[in-house]
């Protein structure tokens, strides 16, 4: 049923594709959960549970260099945060020499990989049941910025006794930008270096197929009318042998689905791994979160979620309209120089459109330090690309004082 809803939704876009057989064998790791996946390739892995101040229990994974054991202290920590409807899995499902999470582990980093509230790894809460309680799903990315991110920073810093290097992709950049714009003291105080892959804030020039579907169809209203609060949950059918074999046999069809759901581009992204990707994606979020994204697309503004009435907004914000986020607060000078922003953007990115990226960049504080560089990349190319070395080498160049293991 979940799969059919996606197919029906994509049909609204008027897209069709013939089924053609692609000759490549099934990748066995397509069916492995995160821990088993890492173990299969001989990466040491730990599971950590982080509880936010509002009761969500987030699953984080910690990996280090292949064929070693976890070192508690001494390695440079780097925290990877996924994008919309995604999960920790996204950082490892590409080929070993292309997957950002595995590249960083093999370079000697202490790699922490997060999962946002409500995805398949983080459907847990101290009091709420995601299968019974609507309240569990009453969150958007602003709650991830306010609660998930500081909880993760506090925990990882406590475990490593170091400041945190952060790489966000897509929504992972959105929540960092909000936390910094709101001057969250935990995040600002514990952040060392920040890298944004496919950075997003303004979204009004996006041409993403999924966002276009949300914007020009009654899909979200359909969810609301049927009292469904979880959006694109993990597709159990694709996480079975049948689904993986299907994507190996009909690579072009699965490529087409991934292209529409995730804005993948088979000319830039590693289509040979699409059976693995569909064995791990999508991973789910809340319908309310998707509604917040739709508001950004419709309004052309960067701000908090509009609850739809002055009374509801007053209850949440103390004012009739939701507050806007102020980009000029990001990396402003105060008593100390805050961490510079490093953005890695794609010329072919359909969600983090370069027009929106270039609009946001000049609005940062005039004294901000940072860099913005464009690559031949689509939105998911930064993690699923055929060649991720251009930006990964640039990330590694910022750690020149670290002894990189070859």
Protein backbone atom coordinates (compact mmCIF):
# COMPACT_ATOMS: atom_id res chain seq x y z
CA UNK A 1 0.00 0.00 0.00
CA UNK A 2 2.80 2.43 0.90
CA UNK A 3 4.58 1.66 -2.35
CA UNK A 4 1.38 2.13 -4.36
CA UNK A 5 0.82 5.54 -2.76
CA UNK A 6 4.22 6.67 -3.98
CA UNK A 7 3.65 5.36 -7.48
CA UNK A 8 0.23 7.01 -7.64
CA UNK A 9 1.70 10.25 -6.38
CA UNK A 10 4.45 10.24 -8.97
CA UNK A 11 1.87 9.52 -11.65
CA UNK A 12 0.40 12.94 -10.90
CA UNK A 13 3.60 14.37 -12.32
CA UNK A 14 2.81 12.66 -15.61
CA UNK A 15 6.04 10.71 -15.70
CA UNK A 16 6.36 7.27 -17.28
CA UNK A 17 9.22 4.94 -18.00
CA UNK A 18 9.45 1.58 -19.69
CA UNK A 19 10.87 -1.40 -17.84
CA UNK A 20 14.22 -2.52 -19.16
CA UNK A 21 16.47 -5.13 -17.71
CA UNK A 22 19.85 -4.04 -16.36
CA UNK A 23 22.54 -6.73 -16.24
CA UNK A 24 24.12 -6.49 -12.82
CA UNK A 25 24.06 -8.93 -9.89
CA UNK A 26 22.19 -8.29 -6.68
CA UNK A 27 24.32 -6.68 -3.97
CA UNK A 28 23.85 -8.78 -0.80
CA UNK A 29 24.34 -5.73 1.44
CA UNK A 30 21.15 -4.22 0.03
CA UNK A 31 19.19 -6.11 2.70
CA UNK A 32 21.50 -5.51 5.65
CA UNK A 33 20.46 -3.11 8.43
CA UNK A 34 23.03 -0.47 9.33
CA UNK A 35 25.02 -2.44 11.92
CA UNK A 36 25.11 -5.63 9.84
CA UNK A 37 26.07 -3.58 6.78
CA UNK A 38 29.09 -2.13 8.57
CA UNK A 39 30.07 -5.51 9.99
CA UNK A 40 29.80 -7.10 6.53
CA UNK A 41 32.50 -4.68 5.32
CA UNK A 42 34.52 -5.03 8.55
CA UNK A 43 33.92 -1.55 9.96
CA UNK A 44 33.71 -1.33 13.76
CA UNK A 45 30.30 0.06 14.73
CA UNK A 46 28.48 1.10 17.90
CA UNK A 47 24.84 2.03 18.47
CA UNK A 48 24.09 5.01 20.71
CA UNK A 49 20.72 6.32 21.92
CA UNK A 50 20.34 10.04 22.52
CA UNK A 51 17.27 11.44 24.29
CA UNK A 52 16.20 14.99 23.45
CA UNK A 53 14.81 17.45 25.97
CA UNK A 54 11.31 16.86 24.56
CA UNK A 55 11.54 13.08 24.89
CA UNK A 56 12.48 11.77 21.44
CA UNK A 57 14.97 8.90 21.48
CA UNK A 58 17.36 9.16 18.54
CA UNK A 59 19.54 6.33 17.25
CA UNK A 60 23.09 7.31 16.34
CA UNK A 61 25.81 5.07 14.92
CA UNK A 62 29.54 5.42 15.47
CA UNK A 63 32.00 3.94 12.97
CA UNK A 64 35.76 4.05 12.59
CA UNK A 65 38.45 2.74 10.27
CA UNK A 66 37.93 -0.60 8.53
CA UNK A 67 39.47 -3.66 10.23
CA UNK A 68 40.02 -1.86 13.55
CA UNK A 69 38.20 -1.61 16.87
CA UNK A 70 36.49 1.50 18.25
CA UNK A 71 38.86 3.94 19.92
CA UNK A 72 37.07 5.89 22.65
CA UNK A 73 39.28 8.98 22.65
CA UNK A 74 41.89 10.63 20.49
CA UNK A 75 40.34 10.55 17.01
CA UNK A 76 38.84 13.70 15.48
CA UNK A 77 35.03 13.46 15.71
CA UNK A 78 32.85 14.28 12.73
CA UNK A 79 29.05 14.15 12.85
CA UNK A 80 27.06 13.42 9.67
CA UNK A 81 23.37 14.42 9.46
CA UNK A 82 21.12 13.20 6.66
CA UNK A 83 18.46 14.95 4.60
CA UNK A 84 14.69 14.81 4.24
CA UNK A 85 13.02 11.31 4.35
CA UNK A 86 16.53 9.91 4.69
CA UNK A 87 18.57 8.18 7.40
CA UNK A 88 22.06 7.33 8.58
CA UNK A 89 22.21 4.65 5.89
CA UNK A 90 22.61 7.23 3.14
CA UNK A 91 26.21 7.96 4.18
CA UNK A 92 27.40 4.36 3.65
CA UNK A 93 25.33 2.84 0.81
CA UNK A 94 27.54 4.06 -2.04
CA UNK A 95 30.64 2.07 -3.03
CA UNK A 96 33.22 2.00 -0.24
CA UNK A 97 35.56 4.39 -2.03
CA UNK A 98 32.69 6.83 -2.72
CA UNK A 99 30.51 6.71 0.43
CA UNK A 100 31.33 9.80 2.54
CA UNK A 101 30.88 8.02 5.86
CA UNK A 102 33.28 5.22 4.90
CA UNK A 103 35.81 7.59 3.32
CA UNK A 104 35.97 9.62 6.54
CA UNK A 105 36.23 6.50 8.71
CA UNK A 106 39.13 5.20 6.63
CA UNK A 107 40.86 8.59 6.87
CA UNK A 108 41.03 8.18 10.63
CA UNK A 109 37.99 10.13 11.81
CA UNK A 110 35.65 9.16 14.64
CA UNK A 111 32.46 9.17 12.56
CA UNK A 112 29.08 9.72 14.24
CA UNK A 113 26.04 9.32 11.98
CA UNK A 114 22.71 10.71 13.13
CA UNK A 115 19.03 9.92 12.60
CA UNK A 116 16.37 12.60 12.86
CA UNK A 117 13.25 12.08 14.94
CA UNK A 118 10.61 9.97 13.23
CA UNK A 119 12.74 8.18 10.67
CA UNK A 120 12.98 4.37 10.67
CA UNK A 121 15.82 4.35 13.23
CA UNK A 122 14.32 6.99 15.54
CA UNK A 123 10.65 6.00 15.95
CA UNK A 124 10.90 6.09 19.71
CA UNK A 125 9.96 8.39 22.58
CA UNK A 126 9.97 8.33 26.35
CA UNK A 127 6.15 8.57 26.57
CA UNK A 128 4.63 8.67 23.06
CA UNK A 129 3.91 5.72 20.75
CA UNK A 130 4.47 6.53 17.05
CA UNK A 131 1.90 3.92 16.02
CA UNK A 132 -0.83 5.29 18.31
CA UNK A 133 -0.12 8.88 19.31
CA UNK A 134 -0.62 11.71 16.83
CA UNK A 135 1.45 13.92 19.12
CA UNK A 136 4.58 11.95 18.25
CA UNK A 137 4.36 13.26 14.68
CA UNK A 138 3.71 16.91 15.52
CA UNK A 139 7.19 18.05 14.55
CA UNK A 140 9.00 19.72 11.68
CA UNK A 141 12.65 20.44 10.97
CA UNK A 142 12.48 23.40 13.37
CA UNK A 143 12.12 20.93 16.25
CA UNK A 144 15.15 19.03 14.96
CA UNK A 145 17.09 22.29 15.08
CA UNK A 146 15.83 23.19 18.54
CA UNK A 147 16.11 19.76 20.18
CA UNK A 148 17.78 17.03 18.09
CA UNK A 149 20.89 18.98 17.11
CA UNK A 150 21.86 20.30 20.58
CA UNK A 151 21.16 16.90 22.16
CA UNK A 152 23.50 15.26 19.63
CA UNK A 153 26.23 17.86 20.11
CA UNK A 154 26.06 17.57 23.88
CA UNK A 155 26.21 13.77 23.77
CA UNK A 156 28.98 13.38 21.17
CA UNK A 157 31.13 16.00 22.84
CA UNK A 158 30.61 14.22 26.15
CA UNK A 159 31.72 10.92 24.64
CA UNK A 160 34.74 12.30 22.77
CA UNK A 161 35.78 15.22 25.02
CA UNK A 162 36.18 17.34 21.88
CA UNK A 163 34.35 19.91 19.81
CA UNK A 164 32.30 18.58 16.90
CA UNK A 165 32.93 18.78 13.16
CA UNK A 166 29.63 18.63 11.29
CA UNK A 167 28.58 17.68 7.77
CA UNK A 168 24.93 18.19 6.93
CA UNK A 169 23.19 17.19 3.74
CA UNK A 170 20.01 18.96 2.60
CA UNK A 171 17.70 19.07 5.65
CA UNK A 172 20.84 18.43 7.69
CA UNK A 173 22.02 21.88 6.56
CA UNK A 174 18.60 23.44 7.17
CA UNK A 175 18.59 22.48 10.84
CA UNK A 176 22.15 23.76 11.32
CA UNK A 177 21.31 27.08 9.68
CA UNK A 178 18.29 27.49 11.98
CA UNK A 179 20.29 26.58 15.11
CA UNK A 180 22.97 29.13 14.19
CA UNK A 181 20.46 31.81 13.20
CA UNK A 182 18.82 31.37 16.61
CA UNK A 183 22.25 31.41 18.28
CA UNK A 184 21.74 28.08 20.02
CA UNK A 185 24.44 28.19 22.72
CA UNK A 186 25.08 24.42 22.79
CA UNK A 187 25.57 24.11 19.04
CA UNK A 188 27.62 27.28 18.74
CA UNK A 189 29.70 26.43 21.77
CA UNK A 190 30.57 22.89 20.67
CA UNK A 191 30.86 23.32 16.87
CA UNK A 192 34.35 23.18 15.34
CA UNK A 193 34.00 22.97 11.54
CA UNK A 194 30.78 22.99 9.49
CA UNK A 195 30.28 21.73 5.92
CA UNK A 196 26.96 21.94 4.10
CA UNK A 197 26.24 19.54 1.20
CA UNK A 198 23.32 20.69 -0.97
CA UNK A 199 22.61 23.62 1.42
CA UNK A 200 19.03 24.81 1.80
CA UNK A 201 17.19 27.74 3.33
CA UNK A 202 15.08 29.47 0.67
CA UNK A 203 13.26 27.00 -1.59
CA UNK A 204 11.09 28.99 -3.98
CA UNK A 205 13.17 28.18 -7.09
CA UNK A 206 13.37 24.45 -6.45
CA UNK A 207 12.21 22.05 -9.19
CA UNK A 208 12.33 18.86 -7.10
CA UNK A 209 9.75 16.34 -8.29
CA UNK A 210 8.70 15.42 -4.76
CA UNK A 211 8.29 19.05 -3.72
CA UNK A 212 6.42 19.81 -6.94
CA UNK A 213 4.10 16.91 -6.18
CA UNK A 214 3.41 18.29 -2.69
CA UNK A 215 2.88 21.77 -4.04
CA UNK A 216 0.56 20.94 -6.95
CA UNK A 217 -1.50 18.02 -5.70
CA UNK A 218 -3.85 17.31 -2.78
CA UNK A 219 -1.48 14.69 -1.37
CA UNK A 220 -0.90 16.35 2.01
CA UNK A 221 -4.61 17.05 2.37
CA UNK A 222 -5.26 13.37 1.61
CA UNK A 223 -2.91 12.34 4.41
CA UNK A 224 -4.62 14.75 6.80
CA UNK A 225 -8.13 13.63 5.90
CA UNK A 226 -7.15 9.99 6.47
CA UNK A 227 -5.43 10.83 9.78
CA UNK A 228 -2.08 9.60 8.53
CA UNK A 229 0.78 11.49 10.16
CA UNK A 230 3.86 9.61 8.93
CA UNK A 231 5.19 10.41 5.44
CA UNK A 232 7.15 7.98 3.22
CA UNK A 233 7.98 5.48 5.95
CA UNK A 234 10.49 2.75 5.27
CA UNK A 235 9.18 0.62 2.40
CA UNK A 236 9.14 -2.89 3.78
CA UNK A 237 8.55 -4.38 0.34
CA UNK A 238 11.80 -2.97 -1.04
CA UNK A 239 13.71 -4.12 2.02
CA UNK A 240 12.96 -7.75 1.20
CA UNK A 241 14.76 -10.02 -1.21
CA UNK A 242 11.97 -9.54 -3.73
CA UNK A 243 12.39 -5.76 -3.76
CA UNK A 244 16.16 -5.87 -4.00
CA UNK A 245 16.09 -8.43 -6.81
CA UNK A 246 13.48 -6.31 -8.61
CA UNK A 247 15.73 -3.24 -8.51
CA UNK A 248 18.72 -5.27 -9.69
CA UNK A 249 16.71 -6.66 -12.61
CA UNK A 250 14.88 -3.43 -13.47
CA UNK A 251 17.52 -0.87 -12.65
CA UNK A 252 16.05 1.73 -15.00
CA UNK A 253 12.62 1.57 -13.34
CA UNK A 254 14.08 1.85 -9.83
CA UNK A 255 16.38 4.57 -11.09
CA UNK A 256 13.28 6.40 -12.29
CA UNK A 257 11.60 6.08 -8.88
CA UNK A 258 14.71 7.28 -7.05
CA UNK A 259 15.03 10.16 -9.49
CA UNK A 260 11.48 11.28 -8.76
CA UNK A 261 11.53 10.75 -5.00
CA UNK A 262 15.11 11.84 -4.28
CA UNK A 263 16.07 13.90 -7.36
CA UNK A 264 18.80 11.43 -8.26
CA UNK A 265 20.45 11.74 -11.67
CA UNK A 266 21.72 8.49 -13.24
CA UNK A 267 24.27 10.47 -15.27
CA UNK A 268 25.85 11.78 -12.04
CA UNK A 269 24.79 9.26 -9.40
CA UNK A 270 25.84 5.65 -8.96
CA UNK A 271 22.97 3.75 -10.62
CA UNK A 272 24.76 0.45 -10.02
CA UNK A 273 23.99 0.91 -6.31
CA UNK A 274 20.31 1.76 -6.72
CA UNK A 275 19.23 -1.68 -5.53
CA UNK A 276 21.24 -1.04 -2.35
CA UNK A 277 19.82 2.46 -2.01
CA UNK A 278 16.25 1.20 -2.40
CA UNK A 279 17.03 -1.44 0.18
CA UNK A 280 17.63 1.37 2.66
CA UNK A 281 15.54 4.31 1.43
CA UNK A 282 13.21 6.10 2.01
CA UNK A 283 13.18 6.26 5.79
CA UNK A 284 10.23 8.46 6.68
CA UNK A 285 9.37 11.70 8.44
CA UNK A 286 6.22 13.47 9.60
CA UNK A 287 3.52 14.82 7.30
CA UNK A 288 3.81 18.07 9.29
CA UNK A 289 7.48 18.29 8.32
CA UNK A 290 6.54 18.01 4.66
CA UNK A 291 3.94 20.74 5.18
CA UNK A 292 6.67 23.02 6.54
CA UNK A 293 8.78 22.40 3.44
CA UNK A 294 5.74 23.21 1.30
CA UNK A 295 5.30 26.50 3.16
CA UNK A 296 8.87 27.49 2.30
CA UNK A 297 8.29 26.65 -1.36
CA UNK A 298 5.05 28.64 -1.46
CA UNK A 299 6.17 31.68 0.51
CA UNK A 300 9.71 32.20 -0.69
CA UNK A 301 10.57 32.96 2.94
CA UNK A 302 12.76 31.30 5.54
CA UNK A 303 10.86 30.98 8.77
CA UNK A 304 9.12 28.91 11.42
CA UNK A 305 6.11 26.71 10.73
CA UNK A 306 2.77 28.50 10.30
CA UNK A 307 0.16 26.63 12.34
CA UNK A 308 -2.63 28.18 10.29
CA UNK A 309 -4.27 30.60 12.72
CA UNK A 310 -3.28 33.53 14.88
CA UNK A 311 -4.40 31.65 17.99
CA UNK A 312 -2.29 28.58 17.22
CA UNK A 313 0.73 30.68 16.32
CA UNK A 314 0.36 32.65 19.56
CA UNK A 315 0.25 29.39 21.49
CA UNK A 316 3.55 28.28 19.94
CA UNK A 317 5.40 31.57 19.38
CA UNK A 318 3.65 34.24 21.43
CA UNK A 319 2.75 36.16 18.28
CA UNK A 320 0.13 36.02 15.52
CA UNK A 321 2.54 35.08 12.74
CA UNK A 322 5.44 32.63 12.81
CA UNK A 323 8.84 34.29 13.25
CA UNK A 324 11.25 34.57 10.35
CA UNK A 325 14.80 33.30 10.75
CA UNK A 326 17.49 35.95 10.39
CA UNK A 327 20.44 34.89 8.20
CA UNK A 328 22.47 37.85 9.42
CA UNK A 329 22.75 36.14 12.81
CA UNK A 330 24.77 33.32 11.27
CA UNK A 331 28.49 33.63 11.94
CA UNK A 332 28.20 37.19 13.23
CA UNK A 333 31.03 38.49 15.37
CA UNK A 334 30.32 38.70 19.09
CA UNK A 335 32.82 38.00 21.84
CA UNK A 336 34.53 35.51 19.58
CA UNK A 337 34.64 34.62 15.90
CA UNK A 338 32.14 31.93 15.14
CA UNK A 339 32.85 28.99 12.90
CA UNK A 340 32.95 29.83 9.18
CA UNK A 341 30.37 28.41 6.84
CA UNK A 342 31.52 26.11 4.05
CA UNK A 343 28.88 25.32 1.45
CA UNK A 344 29.19 22.67 -1.27
CA UNK A 345 26.46 23.31 -3.84
CA UNK A 346 25.47 21.60 -7.09
CA UNK A 347 24.96 23.26 -10.44
CA UNK A 348 22.38 20.56 -11.26
CA UNK A 349 20.71 20.54 -7.83
CA UNK A 350 16.91 20.62 -8.13
CA UNK A 351 16.11 21.15 -4.44
CA UNK A 352 18.96 23.41 -3.32
CA UNK A 353 18.66 25.45 -6.49
CA UNK A 354 21.67 27.66 -7.18
CA UNK A 355 19.40 30.73 -7.48
CA UNK A 356 18.21 30.16 -3.91
CA UNK A 357 21.72 29.36 -2.69
CA UNK A 358 23.08 32.55 -4.22
CA UNK A 359 20.19 34.52 -2.74
CA UNK A 360 20.88 33.28 0.78
CA UNK A 361 24.65 33.65 0.75
CA UNK A 362 24.82 37.50 0.64
CA UNK A 363 22.32 37.73 3.52
CA UNK A 364 24.78 36.24 5.97
CA UNK A 365 26.47 38.65 8.33
CA UNK A 366 28.84 40.88 6.29
CA UNK A 367 31.69 39.90 8.58
CA UNK A 368 31.02 36.19 8.17
CA UNK A 369 33.87 33.98 7.12
CA UNK A 370 33.19 31.13 4.76
CA UNK A 371 33.26 29.70 1.28
CA UNK A 372 30.70 28.72 -1.33
CA UNK A 373 31.74 26.40 -4.14
CA UNK A 374 29.65 24.87 -6.92
CA UNK A 375 30.28 21.41 -8.35
CA UNK A 376 28.93 19.31 -11.19
CA UNK A 377 26.42 17.62 -8.91
CA UNK A 378 22.74 17.09 -8.28
CA UNK A 379 21.13 17.04 -4.86
CA UNK A 380 22.06 13.49 -3.82
CA UNK A 381 25.27 13.35 -5.85
CA UNK A 382 27.14 14.56 -2.76
CA UNK A 383 26.45 11.19 -1.13
CA UNK A 384 25.46 8.80 -3.95
CA UNK A 385 27.63 10.20 -6.74
CA UNK A 386 29.64 8.29 -9.30
CA UNK A 387 32.60 10.39 -8.16
CA UNK A 388 32.46 12.07 -4.75
CA UNK A 389 36.17 12.87 -4.63
CA UNK A 390 35.95 16.57 -5.69
CA UNK A 391 34.09 17.68 -2.55
CA UNK A 392 35.40 14.99 -0.21
CA UNK A 393 38.97 16.02 -1.04
CA UNK A 394 37.98 19.62 -0.35
CA UNK A 395 36.50 18.62 3.02
CA UNK A 396 39.68 16.74 3.93
CA UNK A 397 41.82 19.73 2.95
CA UNK A 398 40.34 21.63 5.92
CA UNK A 399 41.90 19.11 8.30
CA UNK A 400 45.52 19.71 7.32
CA UNK A 401 46.63 19.79 10.94
CA UNK A 402 45.22 16.31 11.48
CA UNK A 403 47.37 13.28 10.81
CA UNK A 404 45.41 11.66 8.00
CA UNK A 405 45.95 7.93 7.70
CA UNK A 406 46.63 6.66 4.17
